[in-house]
Amino acid sequence: MDRHIGTYEATQSEKRAAKADQPDGLARDVTAIKVGDCLLGYKAVQRRVRASRWNHFRGRMREIEKLIRHRHGDIVPEADDALIYVEVIAGLALVEFKEEFVEVVLGWGARWLPWAGKADIEEIIYERTKVRFSPLSADALGHALHLSYAERSALDIRTIGAFDVPKRKRAKLQNEKRRQRDRARKEEQRRAAGALSRADYLANSMSTARPWEAFGISRRTWERRGKPMPDAATISDCDPISLAA
């Protein structure tokens, strides 16, 4: 009986999630086509509607599901710490849905942990309702899910912290990445405009070539004498060229 109930709740939960994830940028209306007072027919038209507010619970739930797929596949395997996912979802759902969170958690658990008994999930739900529960911070979620910074970056997870890198350090690392991207973008723009890279500039600069040394004079004297350039094909590296004053 529990299996049938779990299957039904999972189906209902997936339907609610699919409905919530539908793009809400366009809506379809039916308008009448008339010429004067004569009705010719109807046609379907699309109109743009205002996008709904981003839902924090749904965003975090999707990232937890992304983490599960990365770690385990389509179903969380049976293990001692597997129910931590249900506990985290129960905490988030309690804050979001209040007394209606039970159905959400049961449906989610039936989808991702089908081997778990309904009594086990209800026990977790009961534990969540015994205390006054507040929203979990990003770092608290990261510790609960044992999410590392490397795993977080690889999966592009943004609403959950990391157990090994605190929030302040993550912000510094993110700012450094942003600066590197900005530098790379500006460098590409300069190259597209025809500017030389620093390496090319230094390779062709007079300070690197030092042509005055081939004449055995100082740079200032070389500049005063019109910046003559030595002939590389006829110059010996050891013998400076005599240049009359």
Protein backbone atom coordinates (compact mmCIF):
# COMPACT_ATOMS: atom_id res chain seq x y z
CA MET A 1 0.00 0.00 0.00
CA ASP A 2 2.84 2.38 0.88
CA ARG A 3 4.42 1.76 -2.54
CA HIS A 4 1.19 2.73 -4.36
CA ILE A 5 0.84 5.84 -2.22
CA GLY A 6 4.48 6.75 -2.83
CA THR A 7 4.08 6.31 -6.61
CA TYR A 8 1.00 8.54 -6.65
CA GLU A 9 2.68 11.23 -4.57
CA ALA A 10 5.78 11.11 -6.77
CA THR A 11 3.62 11.52 -9.89
CA GLN A 12 1.76 14.47 -8.38
CA SER A 13 5.02 16.06 -7.25
CA GLU A 14 6.53 15.72 -10.74
CA LYS A 15 3.39 17.27 -12.28
CA ARG A 16 3.60 20.24 -9.93
CA ALA A 17 7.31 20.66 -10.68
CA ALA A 18 6.74 20.45 -14.44
CA LYS A 19 3.99 23.05 -14.23
CA ALA A 20 6.19 25.34 -12.16
CA ASP A 21 9.08 25.02 -14.63
CA GLN A 22 7.05 25.89 -17.73
CA PRO A 23 8.30 29.07 -19.43
CA ASP A 24 6.04 31.94 -18.51
CA GLY A 25 7.39 34.50 -20.97
CA LEU A 26 4.60 33.84 -23.54
CA ALA A 27 0.86 33.19 -23.26
CA ARG A 28 -1.57 32.04 -25.94
CA ASP A 29 -4.83 33.91 -26.53
CA VAL A 30 -7.65 33.53 -29.05
CA THR A 31 -8.78 36.65 -30.89
CA ALA A 32 -11.69 37.21 -33.25
CA ILE A 33 -11.12 38.26 -36.87
CA LYS A 34 -13.77 40.72 -38.04
CA VAL A 35 -14.44 42.95 -41.03
CA GLY A 36 -16.84 45.55 -39.78
CA ASP A 37 -19.58 43.63 -37.98
CA CYS A 38 -18.91 40.43 -39.94
CA LEU A 39 -17.14 37.70 -37.99
CA LEU A 40 -14.67 35.83 -40.26
CA GLY A 41 -13.24 33.49 -37.66
CA TYR A 42 -10.76 33.19 -34.82
CA LYS A 43 -7.01 32.87 -34.61
CA ALA A 44 -4.54 32.05 -31.86
CA VAL A 45 -2.03 34.73 -30.97
CA GLN A 46 0.80 34.83 -28.49
CA ARG A 47 1.29 37.65 -26.05
CA ARG A 48 4.24 38.31 -23.80
CA VAL A 49 3.53 38.18 -20.12
CA ARG A 50 5.58 39.22 -17.14
CA ALA A 51 7.94 36.53 -15.85
CA SER A 52 7.23 35.25 -12.36
CA ARG A 53 9.56 35.86 -9.42
CA TRP A 54 12.43 33.40 -9.07
CA ASN A 55 11.55 30.88 -6.39
CA HIS A 56 14.41 30.30 -3.92
CA PHE A 57 13.12 26.94 -2.71
CA ARG A 58 12.67 25.60 -6.23
CA GLY A 59 16.12 26.86 -7.23
CA ARG A 60 17.81 25.16 -4.29
CA MET A 61 15.82 21.97 -4.82
CA ARG A 62 16.94 21.85 -8.47
CA GLU A 63 20.58 22.28 -7.40
CA ILE A 64 20.24 19.48 -4.83
CA GLU A 65 18.80 17.25 -7.56
CA LYS A 66 21.72 18.20 -9.85
CA LEU A 67 24.10 17.19 -7.05
CA ILE A 68 22.29 13.87 -6.60
CA ARG A 69 22.48 13.09 -10.33
CA HIS A 70 26.19 13.90 -10.32
CA ARG A 71 26.90 11.72 -7.31
CA HIS A 72 24.44 8.85 -7.66
CA GLY A 73 22.48 8.98 -10.91
CA ASP A 74 18.68 8.96 -11.13
CA ILE A 75 18.11 7.40 -7.67
CA VAL A 76 19.91 7.85 -4.35
CA PRO A 77 21.29 4.41 -3.38
CA GLU A 78 20.43 2.92 -0.03
CA ALA A 79 23.06 3.97 2.52
CA ASP A 80 23.35 5.13 6.12
CA ASP A 81 23.58 8.83 5.19
CA ALA A 82 21.18 8.79 2.23
CA LEU A 83 18.27 10.26 4.21
CA ILE A 84 20.24 13.50 4.68
CA TYR A 85 18.84 14.61 1.31
CA VAL A 86 15.28 14.13 2.60
CA GLU A 87 16.15 15.99 5.79
CA VAL A 88 17.50 18.97 3.83
CA ILE A 89 14.49 19.05 1.50
CA ALA A 90 12.15 18.78 4.51
CA GLY A 91 13.82 21.78 6.14
CA LEU A 92 13.55 23.88 2.98
CA ALA A 93 9.97 22.79 2.28
CA LEU A 94 8.85 23.55 5.84
CA VAL A 95 10.02 27.14 5.48
CA GLU A 96 8.44 27.49 2.03
CA PHE A 97 5.11 25.66 2.42
CA LYS A 98 4.54 25.68 6.20
CA GLU A 99 1.94 23.01 7.17
CA GLU A 100 1.52 21.92 3.53
CA PHE A 101 5.13 20.76 3.25
CA VAL A 102 4.39 17.13 4.16
CA GLU A 103 2.97 16.23 0.74
CA VAL A 104 5.91 17.88 -1.02
CA VAL A 105 8.49 15.95 1.00
CA LEU A 106 6.67 12.63 0.62
CA GLY A 107 6.43 13.07 -3.14
CA TRP A 108 10.06 14.13 -3.44
CA GLY A 109 11.27 11.23 -1.30
CA ALA A 110 9.23 8.71 -3.33
CA ARG A 111 10.88 10.01 -6.51
CA TRP A 112 14.52 10.09 -5.41
CA LEU A 113 14.60 7.46 -2.63
CA PRO A 114 11.96 4.89 -3.69
CA TRP A 115 13.51 2.26 -1.41
CA ALA A 116 12.89 4.38 1.70
CA GLY A 117 9.78 3.47 3.65
CA LYS A 118 7.05 6.03 4.15
CA ALA A 119 7.49 5.66 7.92
CA ASP A 120 11.18 6.68 7.65
CA ILE A 121 10.33 9.82 5.72
CA GLU A 122 7.46 10.68 8.06
CA GLU A 123 9.84 10.36 11.01
CA ILE A 124 12.12 12.97 9.42
CA ILE A 125 9.09 15.18 8.78
CA TYR A 126 8.04 14.81 12.42
CA GLU A 127 11.52 15.80 13.58
CA ARG A 128 11.31 18.97 11.44
CA THR A 129 7.98 19.99 12.98
CA LYS A 130 9.08 19.46 16.60
CA VAL A 131 11.31 22.53 16.59
CA ARG A 132 10.94 26.10 15.39
CA PHE A 133 12.74 25.87 12.08
CA SER A 134 14.40 28.79 10.29
CA PRO A 135 15.87 28.92 6.77
CA LEU A 136 19.21 27.18 6.42
CA SER A 137 22.12 29.34 5.37
CA ALA A 138 24.11 28.48 2.25
CA ASP A 139 27.09 27.30 4.32
CA ALA A 140 24.86 25.19 6.60
CA LEU A 141 23.48 23.43 3.51
CA GLY A 142 27.01 22.93 2.19
CA HIS A 143 28.06 21.27 5.44
CA ALA A 144 24.91 19.11 5.60
CA LEU A 145 25.42 17.87 2.02
CA HIS A 146 29.24 17.73 2.41
CA LEU A 147 29.58 19.80 -0.76
CA SER A 148 33.17 20.74 -1.57
CA TYR A 149 34.18 23.95 -3.34
CA ALA A 150 35.57 21.97 -6.29
CA GLU A 151 32.30 20.04 -6.69
CA ARG A 152 30.31 23.24 -6.28
CA SER A 153 32.30 24.99 -9.03
CA ALA A 154 32.17 22.02 -11.40
CA LEU A 155 28.35 21.82 -11.13
CA ASP A 156 27.86 25.62 -11.15
CA ILE A 157 25.93 25.49 -7.87
CA ARG A 158 25.24 29.00 -6.56
CA THR A 159 22.66 28.84 -3.76
CA ILE A 160 24.50 26.27 -1.62
CA GLY A 161 27.80 26.90 0.13
CA ALA A 162 30.85 24.67 0.54
CA PHE A 163 32.06 22.93 3.67
CA ASP A 164 35.77 23.51 2.90
CA VAL A 165 35.72 27.17 1.74
CA PRO A 166 33.83 29.78 3.82
CA LYS A 167 31.60 32.42 2.27
CA ARG A 168 34.10 35.29 2.57
CA LYS A 169 36.85 33.34 0.82
CA ARG A 170 34.41 32.19 -1.90
CA ALA A 171 33.57 35.84 -2.53
CA LYS A 172 37.27 36.69 -2.95
CA LEU A 173 37.80 33.78 -5.32
CA GLN A 174 34.72 34.80 -7.31
CA ASN A 175 35.96 38.39 -7.57
CA GLU A 176 39.35 37.18 -8.79
CA LYS A 177 37.69 35.01 -11.45
CA ARG A 178 35.61 37.99 -12.54
CA ARG A 179 38.73 40.18 -12.82
CA GLN A 180 40.47 37.50 -14.90
CA ARG A 181 37.48 37.28 -17.24
CA ASP A 182 37.41 41.06 -17.58
CA ARG A 183 41.13 41.20 -18.36
CA ALA A 184 40.79 38.43 -20.95
CA ARG A 185 37.83 40.18 -22.57
CA LYS A 186 39.64 43.54 -22.73
CA GLU A 187 42.74 41.82 -24.14
CA GLU A 188 40.64 40.27 -26.92
CA GLN A 189 39.13 43.67 -27.67
CA ARG A 190 42.60 45.24 -27.93
CA ARG A 191 43.81 42.44 -30.22
CA ALA A 192 40.73 42.91 -32.42
CA ALA A 193 41.54 46.63 -32.64
CA GLY A 194 45.07 45.82 -33.86
CA ALA A 195 47.04 46.54 -30.68
CA LEU A 196 50.19 44.50 -30.03
CA SER A 197 50.43 42.19 -27.06
CA ARG A 198 52.97 43.07 -24.40
CA ALA A 199 55.21 40.19 -25.46
CA ASP A 200 55.20 41.35 -29.10
CA TYR A 201 55.78 44.95 -28.05
CA LEU A 202 58.78 44.05 -25.91
CA ALA A 203 60.19 41.81 -28.64
CA ASN A 204 60.15 44.73 -31.08
CA SER A 205 61.01 47.55 -28.68
CA MET A 206 64.29 49.45 -28.83
CA SER A 207 64.98 48.72 -25.17
CA THR A 208 65.14 45.03 -26.03
CA ALA A 209 67.00 45.36 -29.35
CA ARG A 210 69.51 47.96 -27.99
CA PRO A 211 70.93 48.91 -31.45
CA TRP A 212 73.29 51.57 -29.93
CA GLU A 213 75.39 48.81 -28.42
CA ALA A 214 76.30 47.66 -31.93
CA PHE A 215 77.98 51.06 -32.46
CA GLY A 216 79.59 51.15 -29.03
CA ILE A 217 77.81 54.33 -27.96
CA SER A 218 75.18 55.31 -25.42
CA ARG A 219 71.51 55.43 -26.20
CA ARG A 220 71.39 59.24 -25.88
CA THR A 221 74.28 59.62 -28.36
CA TRP A 222 72.60 57.14 -30.70
CA GLU A 223 69.36 59.16 -30.58
CA ARG A 224 71.25 62.42 -31.17
CA ARG A 225 72.89 60.93 -34.27
CA GLY A 226 69.55 60.10 -35.88
CA LYS A 227 68.96 56.57 -34.52
CA PRO A 228 70.95 54.70 -37.16
CA MET A 229 70.17 51.00 -37.43
CA PRO A 230 72.97 48.43 -37.86
CA ASP A 231 72.89 45.87 -40.66
CA ALA A 232 72.43 42.49 -39.00
CA ALA A 233 73.94 40.63 -41.99
CA THR A 234 77.29 42.40 -41.78
CA ILE A 235 77.70 43.05 -38.08
CA SER A 236 79.89 40.91 -35.82
CA ASP A 237 78.57 40.48 -32.32
CA CYS A 238 82.01 41.10 -30.90
CA ASP A 239 83.17 44.16 -32.86
CA PRO A 240 81.24 47.42 -32.50
CA ILE A 241 80.68 49.51 -35.61
CA SER A 242 82.64 52.74 -35.87
CA LEU A 243 80.25 55.65 -36.19
CA ALA A 244 81.69 59.10 -36.89
CA ALA A 245 80.50 61.89 -34.75
